[in-house]
PDB file of N, CA and C in Angstrom:
ATOM      1  N   UNK A   1     167.281 272.403 121.919  1.00  0.00           N
ATOM      2  CA  UNK A   1     167.476 271.155 123.463  1.00  0.00           C
ATOM      3  C   UNK A   1     166.839 270.069 122.924  1.00  0.00           C
ATOM      4  N   UNK A   2     167.091 269.115 124.632  1.00  0.00           N
ATOM      5  CA  UNK A   2     167.312 267.685 123.526  1.00  0.00           C
ATOM      6  C   UNK A   2     165.563 267.545 125.363  1.00  0.00           C
ATOM      7  N   UNK A   3     164.996 266.835 125.006  1.00  0.00           N
ATOM      8  CA  UNK A   3     163.254 266.148 125.826  1.00  0.00           C
ATOM      9  C   UNK A   3     163.845 264.672 125.878  1.00  0.00           C
ATOM     10  N   UNK A   4     163.142 264.002 126.601  1.00  0.00           N
ATOM     11  CA  UNK A   4     163.020 262.843 127.228  1.00  0.00           C
ATOM     12  C   UNK A   4     162.134 262.996 128.458  1.00  0.00           C
ATOM     13  N   UNK A   5     160.966 262.515 128.110  1.00  0.00           N
ATOM     14  CA  UNK A   5     159.758 261.942 128.837  1.00  0.00           C
ATOM     15  C   UNK A   5     159.118 263.505 129.371  1.00  0.00           C
ATOM     16  N   UNK A   6     159.510 263.624 131.036  1.00  0.00           N
ATOM     17  CA  UNK A   6     159.087 265.229 131.522  1.00  0.00           C
ATOM     18  C   UNK A   6     160.422 266.041 131.410  1.00  0.00           C
ATOM     19  N   UNK A   7     161.277 265.481 131.517  1.00  0.00           N
ATOM     20  CA  UNK A   7     162.789 266.415 131.633  1.00  0.00           C
ATOM     21  C   UNK A   7     162.985 267.041 129.790  1.00  0.00           C
ATOM     22  N   UNK A   8     163.786 268.211 130.355  1.00  0.00           N
ATOM     23  CA  UNK A   8     164.336 268.722 129.404  1.00  0.00           C
ATOM     24  C   UNK A   8     165.223 269.571 129.914  1.00  0.00           C
ATOM     25  N   UNK A   9     166.316 269.504 128.627  1.00  0.00           N
ATOM     26  CA  UNK A   9     167.677 270.496 128.800  1.00  0.00           C
ATOM     27  C   UNK A   9     168.003 271.089 127.554  1.00  0.00           C
ATOM     28  N   UNK A  10     168.549 272.396 128.346  1.00  0.00           N
ATOM     29  CA  UNK A  10     168.797 273.180 127.069  1.00  0.00           C
ATOM     30  C   UNK A  10     169.670 273.803 126.852  1.00  0.00           C
ATOM     31  N   UNK A  11     170.507 273.786 126.085  1.00  0.00           N
ATOM     32  CA  UNK A  11     171.907 274.373 126.234  1.00  0.00           C
ATOM     33  C   UNK A  11     172.256 275.536 125.215  1.00  0.00           C
ATOM     34  N   UNK A  12     173.114 276.338 125.828  1.00  0.00           N
ATOM     35  CA  UNK A  12     173.926 277.991 124.907  1.00  0.00           C
ATOM     36  C   UNK A  12     173.361 278.983 125.847  1.00  0.00           C
ATOM     37  N   UNK A  13     173.512 279.969 125.007  1.00  0.00           N
ATOM     38  CA  UNK A  13     174.347 281.390 125.845  1.00  0.00           C
ATOM     39  C   UNK A  13     174.945 282.347 125.268  1.00  0.00           C
ATOM     40  N   UNK A  14     174.521 283.566 125.878  1.00  0.00           N
ATOM     41  CA  UNK A  14     175.835 284.395 125.335  1.00  0.00           C
ATOM     42  C   UNK A  14     176.537 284.289 125.815  1.00  0.00           C
ATOM     43  N   UNK A  15     177.853 285.059 125.302  1.00  0.00           N
ATOM     44  CA  UNK A  15     179.115 285.166 126.206  1.00  0.00           C
ATOM     45  C   UNK A  15     179.652 284.630 127.085  1.00  0.00           C
ATOM     46  N   UNK A  16     180.390 284.342 128.425  1.00  0.00           N
ATOM     47  CA  UNK A  16     180.454 283.881 129.360  1.00  0.00           C
ATOM     48  C   UNK A  16     179.832 282.585 129.387  1.00  0.00           C
ATOM     49  N   UNK A  17     178.033 282.334 129.208  1.00  0.00           N
ATOM     50  CA  UNK A  17     177.669 281.498 129.310  1.00  0.00           C
ATOM     51  C   UNK A  17     177.190 280.687 128.177  1.00  0.00           C
ATOM     52  N   UNK A  18     177.815 280.654 127.216  1.00  0.00           N
ATOM     53  CA  UNK A  18     177.656 279.963 125.647  1.00  0.00           C
ATOM     54  C   UNK A  18     177.329 278.205 125.905  1.00  0.00           C
ATOM     55  N   UNK A  19     178.467 278.405 127.158  1.00  0.00           N
ATOM     56  CA  UNK A  19     178.424 276.959 126.935  1.00  0.00           C
ATOM     57  C   UNK A  19     177.109 276.017 128.211  1.00  0.00           C
ATOM     58  N   UNK A  20     176.345 277.080 129.018  1.00  0.00           N
ATOM     59  CA  UNK A  20     175.549 276.515 129.373  1.00  0.00           C
ATOM     60  C   UNK A  20     174.929 275.535 129.286  1.00  0.00           C
ATOM     61  N   UNK A  21     174.302 275.151 130.357  1.00  0.00           N
ATOM     62  CA  UNK A  21     173.168 273.654 130.340  1.00  0.00           C
ATOM     63  C   UNK A  21     172.371 273.985 131.706  1.00  0.00           C
ATOM     64  N   UNK A  22     171.095 274.038 131.112  1.00  0.00           N
ATOM     65  CA  UNK A  22     169.693 273.978 131.894  1.00  0.00           C
ATOM     66  C   UNK A  22     168.940 272.618 131.673  1.00  0.00           C
ATOM     67  N   UNK A  23     168.694 271.834 133.097  1.00  0.00           N
ATOM     68  CA  UNK A  23     168.023 271.089 133.222  1.00  0.00           C
ATOM     69  C   UNK A  23     166.713 271.615 133.415  1.00  0.00           C
ATOM     70  N   UNK A  24     165.424 270.939 133.426  1.00  0.00           N
ATOM     71  CA  UNK A  24     164.239 271.556 133.074  1.00  0.00           C
ATOM     72  C   UNK A  24     163.198 270.465 133.781  1.00  0.00           C
ATOM     73  N   UNK A  25     161.981 270.535 134.335  1.00  0.00           N
ATOM     74  CA  UNK A  25     160.971 269.001 134.463  1.00  0.00           C
ATOM     75  C   UNK A  25     159.947 270.059 133.633  1.00  0.00           C
ATOM     76  N   UNK A  26     159.016 269.282 132.553  1.00  0.00           N
ATOM     77  CA  UNK A  26     157.925 270.318 132.294  1.00  0.00           C
ATOM     78  C   UNK A  26     157.108 269.587 132.945  1.00  0.00           C
ATOM     79  N   UNK A  27     156.483 270.672 133.167  1.00  0.00           N
ATOM     80  CA  UNK A  27     154.808 270.624 134.134  1.00  0.00           C
ATOM     81  C   UNK A  27     153.478 270.895 133.466  1.00  0.00           C
ATOM     82  N   UNK A  28     152.889 271.064 133.566  1.00  0.00           N
ATOM     83  CA  UNK A  28     151.466 271.343 133.216  1.00  0.00           C
ATOM     84  C   UNK A  28     151.694 272.949 132.092  1.00  0.00           C
ATOM     85  N   UNK A  29     152.474 273.910 132.444  1.00  0.00           N
ATOM     86  CA  UNK A  29     151.748 275.186 131.801  1.00  0.00           C
ATOM     87  C   UNK A  29     153.238 275.384 131.824  1.00  0.00           C
ATOM     88  N   UNK A  30     154.089 274.874 132.096  1.00  0.00           N
ATOM     89  CA  UNK A  30     155.602 275.929 132.100  1.00  0.00           C
ATOM     90  C   UNK A  30     156.682 274.422 132.389  1.00  0.00           C
ATOM     91  N   UNK A  31     158.042 274.683 132.217  1.00  0.00           N
ATOM     92  CA  UNK A  31     159.185 274.053 132.726  1.00  0.00           C
ATOM     93  C   UNK A  31     160.058 274.795 133.603  1.00  0.00           C
ATOM     94  N   UNK A  32     159.971 274.036 134.888  1.00  0.00           N
ATOM     95  CA  UNK A  32     160.401 274.296 136.156  1.00  0.00           C
ATOM     96  C   UNK A  32     162.625 273.749 135.845  1.00  0.00           C
ATOM     97  N   UNK A  33     162.925 274.765 135.865  1.00  0.00           N
ATOM     98  CA  UNK A  33     164.306 274.858 136.379  1.00  0.00           C
ATOM     99  C   UNK A  33     165.263 273.908 137.335  1.00  0.00           C
ATOM    100  N   UNK A  34     166.238 273.077 137.545  1.00  0.00           N
ATOM    101  CA  UNK A  34     166.309 272.138 138.234  1.00  0.00           C
ATOM    102  C   UNK A  34     167.627 271.616 138.315  1.00  0.00           C
ATOM    103  N   UNK A  35     168.193 272.367 137.892  1.00  0.00           N
ATOM    104  CA  UNK A  35     169.611 272.346 137.795  1.00  0.00           C
ATOM    105  C   UNK A  35     170.307 273.727 136.538  1.00  0.00           C
ATOM    106  N   UNK A  36     171.579 274.381 136.517  1.00  0.00           N
ATOM    107  CA  UNK A  36     172.307 274.486 135.425  1.00  0.00           C
ATOM    108  C   UNK A  36     173.597 274.304 135.839  1.00  0.00           C
ATOM    109  N   UNK A  37     174.959 274.216 134.325  1.00  0.00           N
ATOM    110  CA  UNK A  37     175.834 273.470 134.647  1.00  0.00           C
ATOM    111  C   UNK A  37     176.353 273.759 132.799  1.00  0.00           C
ATOM    112  N   UNK A  38     177.372 273.365 133.574  1.00  0.00           N
ATOM    113  CA  UNK A  38     178.300 273.582 131.520  1.00  0.00           C
ATOM    114  C   UNK A  38     178.547 272.119 131.087  1.00  0.00           C
ATOM    115  N   UNK A  39     178.714 272.307 129.621  1.00  0.00           N
ATOM    116  CA  UNK A  39     178.750 271.260 128.804  1.00  0.00           C
ATOM    117  C   UNK A  39     179.775 271.530 128.932  1.00  0.00           C
ATOM    118  N   UNK A  40     181.038 270.325 128.594  1.00  0.00           N
ATOM    119  CA  UNK A  40     181.870 270.187 128.416  1.00  0.00           C
ATOM    120  C   UNK A  40     181.925 268.917 126.912  1.00  0.00           C
ATOM    121  N   UNK A  41     183.410 268.746 126.613  1.00  0.00           N
ATOM    122  CA  UNK A  41     183.448 267.373 125.828  1.00  0.00           C
ATOM    123  C   UNK A  41     184.171 266.572 126.881  1.00  0.00           C
ATOM    124  N   UNK A  42     184.155 265.543 126.602  1.00  0.00           N
ATOM    125  CA  UNK A  42     184.709 263.970 126.765  1.00  0.00           C
ATOM    126  C   UNK A  42     186.630 264.616 127.402  1.00  0.00           C
ATOM    127  N   UNK A  43     187.338 265.543 126.413  1.00  0.00           N
ATOM    128  CA  UNK A  43     188.013 265.400 127.480  1.00  0.00           C
ATOM    129  C   UNK A  43     188.432 266.862 128.866  1.00  0.00           C
ATOM    130  N   UNK A  44     187.229 266.940 129.116  1.00  0.00           N
ATOM    131  CA  UNK A  44     186.989 267.789 130.031  1.00  0.00           C
ATOM    132  C   UNK A  44     186.876 269.205 129.489  1.00  0.00           C
ATOM    133  N   UNK A  45     186.953 269.622 128.597  1.00  0.00           N
ATOM    134  CA  UNK A  45     187.003 271.591 127.857  1.00  0.00           C
ATOM    135  C   UNK A  45     186.163 271.990 127.470  1.00  0.00           C
ATOM    136  N   UNK A  46     186.161 273.009 127.430  1.00  0.00           N
ATOM    137  CA  UNK A  46     185.081 273.443 127.151  1.00  0.00           C
ATOM    138  C   UNK A  46     184.940 273.663 124.975  1.00  0.00           C
ATOM    139  N   UNK A  47     184.393 273.597 124.430  1.00  0.00           N
ATOM    140  CA  UNK A  47     184.528 273.656 123.124  1.00  0.00           C
ATOM    141  C   UNK A  47     184.745 274.910 122.402  1.00  0.00           C
ATOM    142  N   UNK A  48     185.769 275.562 122.103  1.00  0.00           N
ATOM    143  CA  UNK A  48     185.396 276.627 121.039  1.00  0.00           C
ATOM    144  C   UNK A  48     184.957 277.406 120.267  1.00  0.00           C
ATOM    145  N   UNK A  49     185.355 277.404 119.440  1.00  0.00           N
ATOM    146  CA  UNK A  49     184.116 277.397 117.798  1.00  0.00           C
ATOM    147  C   UNK A  49     183.489 275.676 117.874  1.00  0.00           C
ATOM    148  N   UNK A  50     182.547 275.438 117.983  1.00  0.00           N
ATOM    149  CA  UNK A  50     181.509 274.479 117.690  1.00  0.00           C
ATOM    150  C   UNK A  50     180.053 274.612 116.652  1.00  0.00           C
ATOM    151  N   UNK A  51     179.780 272.720 117.043  1.00  0.00           N
ATOM    152  CA  UNK A  51     178.039 273.249 115.793  1.00  0.00           C
ATOM    153  C   UNK A  51     177.996 272.490 116.506  1.00  0.00           C
ATOM    154  N   UNK A  52     176.705 272.187 116.903  1.00  0.00           N
ATOM    155  CA  UNK A  52     175.215 271.646 118.696  1.00  0.00           C
ATOM    156  C   UNK A  52     174.237 271.544 117.547  1.00  0.00           C
ATOM    157  N   UNK A  53     173.851 269.637 118.026  1.00  0.00           N
ATOM    158  CA  UNK A  53     172.803 269.169 117.198  1.00  0.00           C
ATOM    159  C   UNK A  53     172.415 268.680 118.039  1.00  0.00           C
ATOM    160  N   UNK A  54     170.613 268.243 117.693  1.00  0.00           N
ATOM    161  CA  UNK A  54     169.930 268.411 119.052  1.00  0.00           C
ATOM    162  C   UNK A  54     168.877 266.884 118.741  1.00  0.00           C
ATOM    163  N   UNK A  55     168.877 265.710 118.916  1.00  0.00           N
ATOM    164  CA  UNK A  55     167.893 264.299 118.871  1.00  0.00           C
ATOM    165  C   UNK A  55     167.166 263.811 119.760  1.00  0.00           C
ATOM    166  N   UNK A  56     165.616 263.804 119.777  1.00  0.00           N
ATOM    167  CA  UNK A  56     165.242 263.307 121.041  1.00  0.00           C
ATOM    168  C   UNK A  56     166.193 263.806 121.954  1.00  0.00           C
ATOM    169  N   UNK A  57     166.434 262.445 123.376  1.00  0.00           N
ATOM    170  CA  UNK A  57     167.109 263.193 124.044  1.00  0.00           C
ATOM    171  C   UNK A  57     168.441 263.588 124.596  1.00  0.00           C
ATOM    172  N   UNK A  58     168.631 263.596 122.761  1.00  0.00           N
ATOM    173  CA  UNK A  58     170.444 263.925 123.820  1.00  0.00           C
ATOM    174  C   UNK A  58     171.452 265.693 122.383  1.00  0.00           C
ATOM    175  N   UNK A  59     172.136 265.682 123.010  1.00  0.00           N
ATOM    176  CA  UNK A  59     172.514 266.714 122.087  1.00  0.00           C
ATOM    177  C   UNK A  59     174.254 266.541 121.742  1.00  0.00           C
ATOM    178  N   UNK A  60     174.907 266.253 121.036  1.00  0.00           N
ATOM    179  CA  UNK A  60     175.521 266.637 119.959  1.00  0.00           C
ATOM    180  C   UNK A  60     176.678 267.432 119.901  1.00  0.00           C
ATOM    181  N   UNK A  61     178.101 267.578 120.728  1.00  0.00           N
ATOM    182  CA  UNK A  61     178.971 269.020 120.343  1.00  0.00           C
ATOM    183  C   UNK A  61     179.763 268.477 119.206  1.00  0.00           C
ATOM    184  N   UNK A  62     180.115 269.169 118.216  1.00  0.00           N
ATOM    185  CA  UNK A  62     181.488 269.260 117.595  1.00  0.00           C
ATOM    186  C   UNK A  62     182.275 270.852 117.443  1.00  0.00           C
ATOM    187  N   UNK A  63     183.412 269.924 117.888  1.00  0.00           N
ATOM    188  CA  UNK A  63     184.406 271.690 118.143  1.00  0.00           C
ATOM    189  C   UNK A  63     185.118 271.655 116.796  1.00  0.00           C
ATOM    190  N   UNK A  64     186.062 272.295 116.500  1.00  0.00           N
ATOM    191  CA  UNK A  64     186.851 272.764 115.219  1.00  0.00           C
ATOM    192  C   UNK A  64     187.661 271.840 115.914  1.00  0.00           C
ATOM    193  N   UNK A  65     188.329 271.198 115.067  1.00  0.00           N
ATOM    194  CA  UNK A  65     188.326 271.570 112.682  1.00  0.00           C
ATOM    195  C   UNK A  65     186.985 271.048 112.632  1.00  0.00           C
ATOM    196  N   UNK A  66     186.255 270.562 113.518  1.00  0.00           N
ATOM    197  CA  UNK A  66     184.837 269.830 113.147  1.00  0.00           C
ATOM    198  C   UNK A  66     185.223 268.373 112.319  1.00  0.00           C
ATOM    199  N   UNK A  67     185.360 267.582 112.407  1.00  0.00           N
ATOM    200  CA  UNK A  67     185.527 266.110 111.775  1.00  0.00           C
ATOM    201  C   UNK A  67     185.778 265.260 112.470  1.00  0.00           C
ATOM    202  N   UNK A  68     184.752 265.587 114.388  1.00  0.00           N
ATOM    203  CA  UNK A  68     184.780 264.059 115.366  1.00  0.00           C
ATOM    204  C   UNK A  68     183.621 265.251 116.179  1.00  0.00           C
ATOM    205  N   UNK A  69     182.260 264.109 116.781  1.00  0.00           N
ATOM    206  CA  UNK A  69     181.699 264.688 117.877  1.00  0.00           C
ATOM    207  C   UNK A  69     181.888 264.713 118.763  1.00  0.00           C
ATOM    208  N   UNK A  70     182.242 265.318 119.760  1.00  0.00           N
ATOM    209  CA  UNK A  70     183.066 264.795 120.996  1.00  0.00           C
ATOM    210  C   UNK A  70     182.780 264.680 122.264  1.00  0.00           C
ATOM    211  N   UNK A  71     181.828 265.789 122.682  1.00  0.00           N
ATOM    212  CA  UNK A  71     180.580 265.434 123.391  1.00  0.00           C
ATOM    213  C   UNK A  71     179.339 266.028 122.937  1.00  0.00           C
ATOM    214  N   UNK A  72     178.916 264.220 123.677  1.00  0.00           N
ATOM    215  CA  UNK A  72     177.159 264.433 123.687  1.00  0.00           C
ATOM    216  C   UNK A  72     177.093 264.360 125.235  1.00  0.00           C
ATOM    217  N   UNK A  73     175.358 264.530 125.642  1.00  0.00           N
ATOM    218  CA  UNK A  73     175.043 264.623 126.460  1.00  0.00           C
ATOM    219  C   UNK A  73     172.980 264.302 125.911  1.00  0.00           C
ATOM    220  N   UNK A  74     172.939 262.970 127.448  1.00  0.00           N
ATOM    221  CA  UNK A  74     172.080 262.238 127.378  1.00  0.00           C
ATOM    222  C   UNK A  74     170.987 262.731 128.799  1.00  0.00           C
ATOM    223  N   UNK A  75     170.010 262.945 128.286  1.00  0.00           N
ATOM    224  CA  UNK A  75     169.406 263.354 129.465  1.00  0.00           C
ATOM    225  C   UNK A  75     168.471 261.541 129.531  1.00  0.00           C
ATOM    226  N   UNK A  76     168.953 260.845 128.494  1.00  0.00           N
ATOM    227  CA  UNK A  76     167.605 259.313 129.409  1.00  0.00           C
ATOM    228  C   UNK A  76     169.183 258.805 130.271  1.00  0.00           C
ATOM    229  N   UNK A  77     170.596 259.116 129.955  1.00  0.00           N
ATOM    230  CA  UNK A  77     171.508 258.435 130.723  1.00  0.00           C
ATOM    231  C   UNK A  77     171.012 258.618 131.959  1.00  0.00           C
TER     232      UNK A  77
END
């Protein structure tokens, strides 16, 4: 999960939706979905096995062989 101001993004899922990225807006008592997409690496592919870390407004993805961080999603940009 990444958060910036009143915006939020949730990454992950199961099976075919494991690269799902859901965008939302934080309301007073809920989160309203504003869109759904797929998170891809910088070369446009979906990572196979991966590590995911979220800090603040960013979601970082490190794909196998786990030597570099290939995907960064930033709510602030």
